[in-house]
Amino acid sequence: MKLRDELQRAGLRATTPRLQVLEALDRVHGALSSSELQEQLPEMDRVTLYRNLQKLGEVGLIAEVSAGRWELADQRHPHFLCVVCGDLRCLPPLVVHVEEPGNWAEAIALASVQLRGSCPDCLGGDA
């Protein structure tokens, strides 16, 4: 199983809670808040969920893309955060080319892009 292998490569045991968190994020192919994860994993208590989110984030298997919203780290794409309603949307992947980054090369490779503004719904248009 791919997720089990990823946990082992990251030096973590493939425990049931860790696999459940990764599977929940893998199913949505996007970001979920900790409360949305809690709804999907009702058998997991909140403390266990938060501990696993932190540990999976520390080893780079998941990424916190906005305050309390997580996704699989291999889903590299930009996000749009509505400053009015708080909706977080995944945007299509894009390539940002930076010429001669020098000592910024590693930082840029690990960076994420998040656009902020008002979503179409909050502007009164169609989504």
N, C-alpha and C. Protein backbone atom coordinates (compact mmCIF):
# COMPACT_ATOMS: atom_id res chain seq x y z
N MET A 1 0.85 -1.19 0.00
CA MET A 1 0.00 0.00 0.00
C MET A 1 0.89 1.25 0.00
N LYS A 2 0.57 2.18 -0.85
CA LYS A 2 1.38 3.38 -1.05
C LYS A 2 1.53 4.21 0.24
N LEU A 3 0.43 4.47 0.94
CA LEU A 3 0.48 5.31 2.14
C LEU A 3 1.30 4.65 3.25
N ARG A 4 1.15 3.34 3.39
CA ARG A 4 1.93 2.60 4.39
C ARG A 4 3.42 2.72 4.08
N ASP A 5 3.77 2.58 2.79
CA ASP A 5 5.17 2.70 2.38
C ASP A 5 5.71 4.11 2.65
N GLU A 6 4.90 5.12 2.40
CA GLU A 6 5.32 6.50 2.65
C GLU A 6 5.60 6.74 4.13
N LEU A 7 4.75 6.18 4.98
CA LEU A 7 4.99 6.31 6.43
C LEU A 7 6.32 5.66 6.81
N GLN A 8 6.56 4.47 6.29
CA GLN A 8 7.80 3.77 6.63
C GLN A 8 9.02 4.51 6.09
N ARG A 9 8.94 5.07 4.87
CA ARG A 9 10.06 5.85 4.32
C ARG A 9 10.33 7.10 5.16
N ALA A 10 9.28 7.63 5.78
CA ALA A 10 9.43 8.82 6.63
C ALA A 10 9.92 8.45 8.03
N GLY A 11 10.09 7.16 8.30
CA GLY A 11 10.59 6.72 9.59
C GLY A 11 9.51 6.59 10.66
N LEU A 12 8.24 6.51 10.22
CA LEU A 12 7.14 6.36 11.17
C LEU A 12 6.52 4.98 11.06
N ARG A 13 6.01 4.50 12.19
CA ARG A 13 5.24 3.26 12.15
C ARG A 13 3.91 3.55 11.46
N ALA A 14 3.41 2.58 10.74
CA ALA A 14 2.14 2.72 10.03
C ALA A 14 1.00 2.36 10.97
N THR A 15 0.71 3.28 11.91
CA THR A 15 -0.37 3.04 12.86
C THR A 15 -1.72 3.30 12.20
N THR A 16 -2.77 2.75 12.77
CA THR A 16 -4.11 2.94 12.23
C THR A 16 -4.50 4.42 12.17
N PRO A 17 -4.30 5.22 13.23
CA PRO A 17 -4.67 6.64 13.14
C PRO A 17 -3.91 7.39 12.04
N ARG A 18 -2.62 7.13 11.88
CA ARG A 18 -1.85 7.81 10.84
C ARG A 18 -2.38 7.44 9.46
N LEU A 19 -2.65 6.15 9.25
CA LEU A 19 -3.18 5.71 7.97
C LEU A 19 -4.56 6.32 7.72
N GLN A 20 -5.38 6.39 8.75
CA GLN A 20 -6.72 6.97 8.58
C GLN A 20 -6.66 8.44 8.18
N VAL A 21 -5.77 9.21 8.78
CA VAL A 21 -5.62 10.62 8.44
C VAL A 21 -5.15 10.75 6.99
N LEU A 22 -4.13 9.99 6.61
CA LEU A 22 -3.62 10.05 5.24
C LEU A 22 -4.67 9.62 4.23
N GLU A 23 -5.42 8.57 4.55
CA GLU A 23 -6.47 8.10 3.64
C GLU A 23 -7.58 9.13 3.48
N ALA A 24 -7.96 9.80 4.57
CA ALA A 24 -9.00 10.83 4.50
C ALA A 24 -8.55 11.98 3.60
N LEU A 25 -7.30 12.40 3.73
CA LEU A 25 -6.78 13.49 2.90
C LEU A 25 -6.62 13.03 1.45
N ASP A 26 -6.26 11.79 1.26
CA ASP A 26 -6.10 11.25 -0.09
C ASP A 26 -7.44 11.17 -0.82
N ARG A 27 -8.51 10.88 -0.10
CA ARG A 27 -9.85 10.76 -0.71
C ARG A 27 -10.34 12.08 -1.28
N VAL A 28 -10.04 13.19 -0.62
CA VAL A 28 -10.59 14.48 -1.06
C VAL A 28 -9.73 15.19 -2.10
N HIS A 29 -8.48 14.79 -2.24
CA HIS A 29 -7.57 15.45 -3.19
C HIS A 29 -7.60 16.96 -3.01
N GLY A 30 -7.54 17.39 -1.77
CA GLY A 30 -7.54 18.81 -1.46
C GLY A 30 -7.32 19.00 0.03
N ALA A 31 -7.58 20.20 0.50
CA ALA A 31 -7.34 20.53 1.90
C ALA A 31 -8.59 20.30 2.75
N LEU A 32 -8.38 19.81 3.94
CA LEU A 32 -9.45 19.65 4.92
C LEU A 32 -9.04 20.33 6.22
N SER A 33 -10.02 20.93 6.88
CA SER A 33 -9.75 21.51 8.20
C SER A 33 -9.71 20.37 9.22
N SER A 34 -9.15 20.66 10.37
CA SER A 34 -9.11 19.63 11.41
C SER A 34 -10.51 19.23 11.83
N SER A 35 -11.46 20.17 11.82
CA SER A 35 -12.84 19.79 12.18
C SER A 35 -13.48 18.93 11.09
N GLU A 36 -13.15 19.18 9.82
CA GLU A 36 -13.66 18.31 8.75
C GLU A 36 -13.06 16.91 8.85
N LEU A 37 -11.78 16.84 9.21
CA LEU A 37 -11.16 15.54 9.43
C LEU A 37 -11.81 14.83 10.60
N GLN A 38 -12.13 15.57 11.64
CA GLN A 38 -12.78 14.98 12.82
C GLN A 38 -14.14 14.39 12.43
N GLU A 39 -14.87 15.08 11.54
CA GLU A 39 -16.16 14.56 11.07
C GLU A 39 -15.97 13.27 10.27
N GLN A 40 -14.91 13.19 9.49
CA GLN A 40 -14.66 12.00 8.69
C GLN A 40 -14.11 10.85 9.52
N LEU A 41 -13.53 11.17 10.66
CA LEU A 41 -12.92 10.17 11.53
C LEU A 41 -13.53 10.25 12.93
N PRO A 42 -14.83 10.01 13.07
CA PRO A 42 -15.50 10.21 14.36
C PRO A 42 -14.99 9.29 15.47
N GLU A 43 -14.39 8.14 15.10
CA GLU A 43 -13.88 7.23 16.11
C GLU A 43 -12.56 7.70 16.71
N MET A 44 -11.94 8.72 16.09
CA MET A 44 -10.66 9.23 16.57
C MET A 44 -10.89 10.46 17.44
N ASP A 45 -10.36 10.42 18.66
CA ASP A 45 -10.54 11.58 19.54
C ASP A 45 -9.69 12.74 19.04
N ARG A 46 -10.07 13.94 19.44
CA ARG A 46 -9.44 15.16 18.95
C ARG A 46 -7.94 15.22 19.24
N VAL A 47 -7.53 14.80 20.42
CA VAL A 47 -6.11 14.84 20.80
C VAL A 47 -5.29 13.92 19.89
N THR A 48 -5.80 12.73 19.63
CA THR A 48 -5.11 11.79 18.74
C THR A 48 -5.00 12.37 17.34
N LEU A 49 -6.08 12.99 16.87
CA LEU A 49 -6.06 13.61 15.54
C LEU A 49 -4.98 14.69 15.48
N TYR A 50 -4.97 15.60 16.45
CA TYR A 50 -4.00 16.70 16.43
C TYR A 50 -2.56 16.20 16.53
N ARG A 51 -2.32 15.20 17.37
CA ARG A 51 -0.97 14.65 17.50
C ARG A 51 -0.50 14.06 16.17
N ASN A 52 -1.42 13.36 15.49
CA ASN A 52 -1.05 12.75 14.22
C ASN A 52 -0.87 13.80 13.12
N LEU A 53 -1.68 14.83 13.11
CA LEU A 53 -1.48 15.91 12.15
C LEU A 53 -0.10 16.54 12.34
N GLN A 54 0.26 16.81 13.58
CA GLN A 54 1.56 17.41 13.87
C GLN A 54 2.71 16.50 13.43
N LYS A 55 2.63 15.23 13.77
CA LYS A 55 3.70 14.28 13.45
C LYS A 55 3.82 14.09 11.94
N LEU A 56 2.68 13.95 11.24
CA LEU A 56 2.72 13.78 9.79
C LEU A 56 3.24 15.04 9.10
N GLY A 57 2.93 16.20 9.68
CA GLY A 57 3.46 17.45 9.16
C GLY A 57 4.96 17.58 9.39
N GLU A 58 5.43 17.16 10.56
CA GLU A 58 6.85 17.25 10.89
C GLU A 58 7.71 16.45 9.91
N VAL A 59 7.21 15.30 9.46
CA VAL A 59 8.00 14.46 8.56
C VAL A 59 7.73 14.77 7.09
N GLY A 60 6.85 15.74 6.83
CA GLY A 60 6.63 16.21 5.47
C GLY A 60 5.64 15.41 4.65
N LEU A 61 4.83 14.56 5.28
CA LEU A 61 3.83 13.81 4.52
C LEU A 61 2.57 14.62 4.26
N ILE A 62 2.27 15.56 5.15
CA ILE A 62 1.14 16.46 4.95
C ILE A 62 1.64 17.88 5.16
N ALA A 63 0.87 18.83 4.66
CA ALA A 63 1.25 20.24 4.80
C ALA A 63 0.04 21.03 5.27
N GLU A 64 0.30 21.96 6.18
CA GLU A 64 -0.76 22.87 6.62
C GLU A 64 -0.77 24.03 5.63
N VAL A 65 -1.79 24.07 4.78
CA VAL A 65 -1.82 25.05 3.70
C VAL A 65 -2.45 26.37 4.12
N SER A 66 -3.17 26.35 5.20
CA SER A 66 -3.76 27.54 5.81
C SER A 66 -4.02 27.17 7.25
N ALA A 67 -4.30 28.13 8.07
CA ALA A 67 -4.48 27.86 9.50
C ALA A 67 -5.45 26.71 9.74
N GLY A 68 -4.91 25.57 10.19
CA GLY A 68 -5.74 24.42 10.54
C GLY A 68 -6.30 23.65 9.36
N ARG A 69 -5.79 23.88 8.15
CA ARG A 69 -6.26 23.15 6.96
C ARG A 69 -5.08 22.39 6.38
N TRP A 70 -5.29 21.11 6.17
CA TRP A 70 -4.21 20.20 5.81
C TRP A 70 -4.49 19.50 4.50
N GLU A 71 -3.41 19.14 3.79
CA GLU A 71 -3.52 18.29 2.61
C GLU A 71 -2.25 17.47 2.48
N LEU A 72 -2.30 16.44 1.63
CA LEU A 72 -1.12 15.64 1.39
C LEU A 72 -0.04 16.53 0.78
N ALA A 73 1.18 16.36 1.22
CA ALA A 73 2.27 17.23 0.79
C ALA A 73 2.61 17.05 -0.68
N ASP A 74 2.28 15.90 -1.26
CA ASP A 74 2.62 15.70 -2.67
C ASP A 74 1.61 16.34 -3.62
N GLN A 75 0.62 17.00 -3.07
CA GLN A 75 -0.36 17.70 -3.89
C GLN A 75 0.05 19.17 -4.00
N ARG A 76 1.12 19.41 -4.73
CA ARG A 76 1.69 20.75 -4.85
C ARG A 76 0.89 21.58 -5.84
N HIS A 77 0.15 22.53 -5.34
CA HIS A 77 -0.61 23.45 -6.17
C HIS A 77 -0.93 24.68 -5.34
N PRO A 78 -1.26 25.78 -5.99
CA PRO A 78 -1.60 27.00 -5.23
C PRO A 78 -3.02 26.92 -4.67
N HIS A 79 -3.30 27.81 -3.75
CA HIS A 79 -4.63 27.88 -3.11
C HIS A 79 -5.14 29.31 -3.16
N PHE A 80 -6.46 29.44 -3.11
CA PHE A 80 -7.09 30.74 -3.01
C PHE A 80 -7.88 30.77 -1.71
N LEU A 81 -7.61 31.74 -0.85
CA LEU A 81 -8.31 31.89 0.42
C LEU A 81 -9.17 33.14 0.35
N CYS A 82 -10.48 32.96 0.51
CA CYS A 82 -11.39 34.10 0.52
C CYS A 82 -11.29 34.79 1.88
N VAL A 83 -10.98 36.09 1.85
CA VAL A 83 -10.83 36.84 3.10
C VAL A 83 -12.19 37.23 3.69
N VAL A 84 -13.26 37.00 2.94
CA VAL A 84 -14.60 37.32 3.43
C VAL A 84 -15.23 36.11 4.13
N CYS A 85 -15.35 34.99 3.39
CA CYS A 85 -16.04 33.82 3.95
C CYS A 85 -15.10 32.74 4.48
N GLY A 86 -13.80 32.83 4.18
CA GLY A 86 -12.84 31.86 4.68
C GLY A 86 -12.71 30.61 3.84
N ASP A 87 -13.42 30.54 2.71
CA ASP A 87 -13.35 29.37 1.84
C ASP A 87 -11.94 29.24 1.29
N LEU A 88 -11.42 28.02 1.28
CA LEU A 88 -10.10 27.74 0.72
C LEU A 88 -10.29 26.83 -0.48
N ARG A 89 -9.84 27.27 -1.65
CA ARG A 89 -10.00 26.50 -2.88
C ARG A 89 -8.64 26.12 -3.43
N CYS A 90 -8.56 24.90 -3.93
CA CYS A 90 -7.36 24.46 -4.63
C CYS A 90 -7.43 24.99 -6.05
N LEU A 91 -6.33 25.53 -6.52
CA LEU A 91 -6.23 26.05 -7.87
C LEU A 91 -5.41 25.09 -8.72
N PRO A 92 -5.53 25.20 -10.04
CA PRO A 92 -4.73 24.32 -10.89
C PRO A 92 -3.24 24.55 -10.66
N PRO A 93 -2.45 23.50 -10.83
CA PRO A 93 -1.00 23.65 -10.65
C PRO A 93 -0.46 24.73 -11.57
N LEU A 94 0.58 25.41 -11.11
CA LEU A 94 1.24 26.39 -11.94
C LEU A 94 2.73 26.28 -11.71
N VAL A 95 3.47 26.80 -12.66
CA VAL A 95 4.92 26.77 -12.56
C VAL A 95 5.40 28.20 -12.40
N VAL A 96 6.19 28.42 -11.37
CA VAL A 96 6.80 29.72 -11.15
C VAL A 96 8.29 29.56 -11.42
N HIS A 97 8.80 30.33 -12.34
CA HIS A 97 10.21 30.25 -12.68
C HIS A 97 10.93 31.46 -12.10
N VAL A 98 11.94 31.20 -11.29
CA VAL A 98 12.74 32.26 -10.71
C VAL A 98 14.16 32.09 -11.25
N GLU A 99 14.64 33.11 -11.93
CA GLU A 99 15.98 33.02 -12.50
C GLU A 99 17.03 33.30 -11.43
N GLU A 100 18.10 32.52 -11.49
CA GLU A 100 19.25 32.67 -10.60
C GLU A 100 18.85 32.88 -9.14
N PRO A 101 18.17 31.88 -8.54
CA PRO A 101 17.73 32.06 -7.16
C PRO A 101 18.86 32.07 -6.14
N GLY A 102 20.06 31.62 -6.52
CA GLY A 102 21.18 31.62 -5.58
C GLY A 102 20.85 30.83 -4.33
N ASN A 103 21.07 31.43 -3.17
CA ASN A 103 20.83 30.71 -1.92
C ASN A 103 19.33 30.60 -1.59
N TRP A 104 18.47 31.12 -2.44
CA TRP A 104 17.03 30.99 -2.27
C TRP A 104 16.48 29.73 -2.91
N ALA A 105 17.28 28.97 -3.64
CA ALA A 105 16.79 27.82 -4.40
C ALA A 105 16.01 26.83 -3.55
N GLU A 106 16.55 26.44 -2.40
CA GLU A 106 15.86 25.45 -1.56
C GLU A 106 14.58 26.03 -0.96
N ALA A 107 14.64 27.28 -0.51
CA ALA A 107 13.45 27.91 0.06
C ALA A 107 12.33 28.00 -0.96
N ILE A 108 12.67 28.35 -2.20
CA ILE A 108 11.65 28.45 -3.24
C ILE A 108 11.09 27.08 -3.57
N ALA A 109 11.92 26.07 -3.60
CA ALA A 109 11.46 24.72 -3.90
C ALA A 109 10.45 24.22 -2.86
N LEU A 110 10.58 24.67 -1.62
CA LEU A 110 9.69 24.23 -0.54
C LEU A 110 8.53 25.19 -0.30
N ALA A 111 8.48 26.29 -1.04
CA ALA A 111 7.46 27.31 -0.81
C ALA A 111 6.11 26.88 -1.36
N SER A 112 5.08 27.49 -0.82
CA SER A 112 3.73 27.27 -1.35
C SER A 112 3.16 28.63 -1.73
N VAL A 113 2.19 28.60 -2.63
CA VAL A 113 1.56 29.82 -3.12
C VAL A 113 0.12 29.87 -2.63
N GLN A 114 -0.23 30.99 -2.01
CA GLN A 114 -1.61 31.18 -1.58
C GLN A 114 -2.05 32.58 -2.00
N LEU A 115 -3.09 32.63 -2.81
CA LEU A 115 -3.67 33.90 -3.22
C LEU A 115 -4.80 34.23 -2.26
N ARG A 116 -4.98 35.50 -1.96
CA ARG A 116 -6.04 35.95 -1.06
C ARG A 116 -6.86 37.03 -1.74
N GLY A 117 -8.13 37.03 -1.46
CA GLY A 117 -9.03 38.02 -2.03
C GLY A 117 -10.46 37.62 -1.74
N SER A 118 -11.39 38.14 -2.50
CA SER A 118 -12.81 37.79 -2.35
C SER A 118 -13.18 36.78 -3.42
N CYS A 119 -13.80 35.68 -3.01
CA CYS A 119 -14.21 34.64 -3.96
C CYS A 119 -15.40 35.14 -4.79
N PRO A 120 -15.70 34.46 -5.90
CA PRO A 120 -16.81 34.87 -6.74
C PRO A 120 -18.15 34.95 -6.00
N ASP A 121 -18.39 34.03 -5.07
CA ASP A 121 -19.65 34.05 -4.29
C ASP A 121 -19.77 35.33 -3.46
N CYS A 122 -18.66 35.73 -2.83
CA CYS A 122 -18.69 36.92 -1.99
C CYS A 122 -18.73 38.20 -2.83
N LEU A 123 -18.26 38.10 -4.07
CA LEU A 123 -18.34 39.23 -4.99
C LEU A 123 -19.71 39.32 -5.66
N GLY A 124 -20.53 38.27 -5.46
CA GLY A 124 -21.86 38.24 -6.06
C GLY A 124 -21.91 37.60 -7.42
N GLY A 125 -20.82 36.93 -7.83
CA GLY A 125 -20.78 36.26 -9.13
C GLY A 125 -20.93 34.78 -8.98
N ASP A 126 -20.70 34.06 -10.07
CA ASP A 126 -20.76 32.60 -10.07
C ASP A 126 -19.40 32.04 -9.69
N ALA A 127 -19.43 30.88 -8.99
CA ALA A 127 -18.17 30.22 -8.59
C ALA A 127 -17.59 29.45 -9.74
